[in-house]
Every structure is written in structure tokens, then in C-alpha cells.
Amino acid sequence: LYIDSIWFDAPVFRAGQLATLAARIKNASDQNLEKIPAKPLINGNQPTIASVEIQANHETVVNLSFTNLETGMQYGELSIVDSPITFDDTFYFTLTIRNEIPVLVINDPDENVFLNALFSGDSTFVLTNAKANYLDYAAFNNQNLIVLNSVRNISTGLTRELWRYVEGGGSLLIFPAPQADINSYNELLMTLQTATLAPADTLRTSISSINLQSSIYEEVFESLPDNLDLPVVFSHYPLGRRTTAMLEPVLELQNGDIFLGREASGQGMVYLAATPLEAAWSNFPKHALFVPTLYNIALHSQPPARLYYIAGKSAAIPLKAGATQVDQVVHITSQDGNFGIIPQLRRSGSQLLVYVEGAIDKAGNYDITTNDRKVAAVAFNYDRTESDVRTMSPAALEEALADAGLQQFQVLAGAQQKSLTASVAQLNSGVRLWKLFVVVALAFLFAEILLLRLWK
């Protein structure tokens, strides 16, 4: 019995929010197992418990729900009881619950009342407004979400810095300007390798489709009524889908154009709208759909960190932008302080990666620190491919070897396995017949002696 893998039901964690930890548990034995306790620990506290029942040679998924009470780095482990093989009975994981989501809105030049009302009225967000011609590019790395709000002309410098920001894992939401310089926008969009803008279409239309499969709306709608009132669009910039672009429609118009789409770019995400946030273009900013759409874009703006890595294998661990510099010394230490390494740092684009070349071979939770300051928490688990100790039957092994194209082989099974050394030696040297020939020769010699005596 062993824990094969774990995951959470949602990629975003918030304090006070109900979270569900799912664990796949496998029974590789020939016995049915009942009432096996599965105990999670978060920072040493046990928030819940579950009882596992699993049939022989089967697997099951156990869900454990609990409330996130704290913000910051969380150290978790899930354990079961399975003697005598215990190395795979505990599964370690780490996660981070953020208390604030920083949002930067770049304006040209006026701030947007709808964005201010949304992000200033919720303590979850820390809103910063900045003018497009007075930007501190160094502050980009501290933002989870950057909103480009009605910027008429996007400079080459801003294009370069936005690309670096998205490449490093940031989220960018673009609302084009009413008199947008299409060429400068498309230069940015092509740099981000996403869809481009076409000249404005002034034909009145409306939003007709909401992508309920998108993570943005996964907790917003249970179902949509047939007569749902959706935003009206008076003008919009058609979003041209390039052959290399994979723009996911979030909201679509009646004519099939995308009103709001998103696409992964580098390590981050780009959200592209077809209209400015102005009443002359659409009533979307005044519509009830506006708040949950932008709220969830902001909530999902930070890419989820990995819950765990595999001990003894190479791993590239990304650090949050601004956490440290490539020339600073970083330490990875175990929670008990008995183990520590100084890993190698490399920069990939604007992202800083911590490389662990198989140096961590013990399962557990670890801290990443620099200058005695904790910058990340990571977990390592043993490879679960070693947990299933079942062997193949001789027939199945022969079939697998034959399927692999091997012809010269022999499977030793049953009584042949009693002396493996002798069996291998026999296969290498063949059947030794010298003893038989000696016995036969002696028999013939004895027979000859008898014949000679009888003949006389």
C-alpha cells in the first residue's frame, strides 16, 4: 500500500478558503484493506482525517477537505500506515497562501473608474496606477497582474519589459485604446506570440457565448439560462488568430469573433480584450459579468507552484521574481536542519531557476533561503515507481521480451530459480557431457573385460 500522487482541486489558495486535497492510493498486494487512516498535517497540525478502503491490486482517490487558516508558506504531509514497507507511506508537499495580490494598471493618461472600483474595494488586491510615460520597469517583477488600460501607443521599451514580465511568469491583461496605434499593439502581441488586432469593426453586436470550461468561470456559473442578458458591443477590434497562436476564447461575440481571449506565453499568461473599458464601445464594464471575470483573472494571475519534486532526480525550481539575484548565494536546507546544499542558479529569460542536480535524495520538506531570508518552500518525495514490488509472471515476461524484438533469451522460472548461478553458468557454457562420456567409457571398458574373461 502506498501513496502514488497528490493534487488540489483548485490552483489558487486563499486564507479562509476550503481546499480539497486529493490523494491517489494504490494497493499492490493480494489482500483487501479496510479502515486505513489517511492523516494530513499542515504546519504540524492535523486539520482532518479519512479512512481508506481499497481492494487488492486496485487504486482509489481519497479527498480530504480543510480550511486554509494561515497565509504564507505551508508545509504539508499526508501519511498512511503500511508495515513493514514504510518509505512510501508519507507524501510531502508545500504550498503558498498569499494574503495580497498586487495589481498594476498602466493608464494613458487617465485612470479607469471601473478598475479602481473593483481592485480598490477589495482588500485581497493591492492596486497601483501608473502613467504609461512614467513607468518604473523594475516594479514589474513585484506584480501578479499588469493591466494595460487604453494606452494609445506602446513603446518598444514597454514592449520589451512586458515581454520579460510575461516570460517570467506574470499575467498581462490588455484593453486597447479607442484610438490605438494598431502597429505598436501588434508589435507587442507578435512578440508575445499571440493574436493580433485588426482595424475597428463598428457593427453593433453582443456577447453570445461564455466559456464555462475556462478556469475563470469554474465557480461562477452552475448553468446558463437560455434568456441570459449578456453585454452589448457597439464597436470592437477583431482579434486575428495567427497560425502559431492558440488563443482560447473566454467570451465570444455573435459573429464568432473573440471578445476576450487568453493564451499562455512563456511562463505567464496574456489576456486580450477586443474593446476598451469605455461606454462608447460596450456596456461590459457596467455589466454583472465584468466583476467575476476580472476578479478571477487577478486571482489566477500567479502561476501555481509545484507541490513536490522527486528526490534523487534533477529539478529546476523557479523563484518568484525579485526573490534573489543570480550572483547571490542560495541555500536549500531540510526542516530539521540536518541537511543543506548550495545549488546552482541560472537565469532563463527573466526567470531565475534553482537547479538541483539530484543532490537531494531524502524525502521531506525543505527551505530555500538567501541572506538568512526564506524565499521559497519545496518538497521532495521518493520515486513511486519503486513502490510496486509485484513481479511479472514468466509467461508475461516472455511475451514482453518477444514484443521488444528479443529472440535469444530464456526465462528461468520455478525450480530453475533455486540455483541462479548454476543456471546462468549452464546457459553460458552449455550442457557439460564429459561426466557422461567417462561413465560410458568405463562401462564399455568393464564390458570388454567381462567379454574377454568369458571368451577364455
Foldseek 3Di string as FASTA:
>chain_A
DFWADKDKPDLFAAAFDKIKIKIKDFALAQAWDWQKKKFKAKVNDTFDIDIDTDHHGGIDMDIDIGGHHDFAKIKMKIATDDPDPGQRRIDIWMFGHDQAAEEEEEDQADDDPLVCCQQVVDSNYDYDYHYLVDDDLLCLLVHLEYEYAADAAQDPVNLLSVLLSLLQAFEYEYAHHPNHPQVRQQVSCVSQPAWGWDPKDQAKWWWDDADCVDPLNVPPDPDDDPPDDGKIFRMWTFTHGDPRHDWAARIAIPVGGHQWTKGRGNNFIYIYGGHGPDVNGICLSVDPVNNSNVVSCSSPSGGRADTAAAAQAKDKHWFRQPLDDQPFWKKKAFPVRPDIDTFHWDDDRRIIITIDHNPGRGFHKIFIDTPNHTRDIHTYGHNCVVVNPDDDDQVVVVVVCVVVVDDPDDDQDDPSVPDVPVNVVCVVPPDDCPVVVVVVVVVVVVVVVVVVVVVD
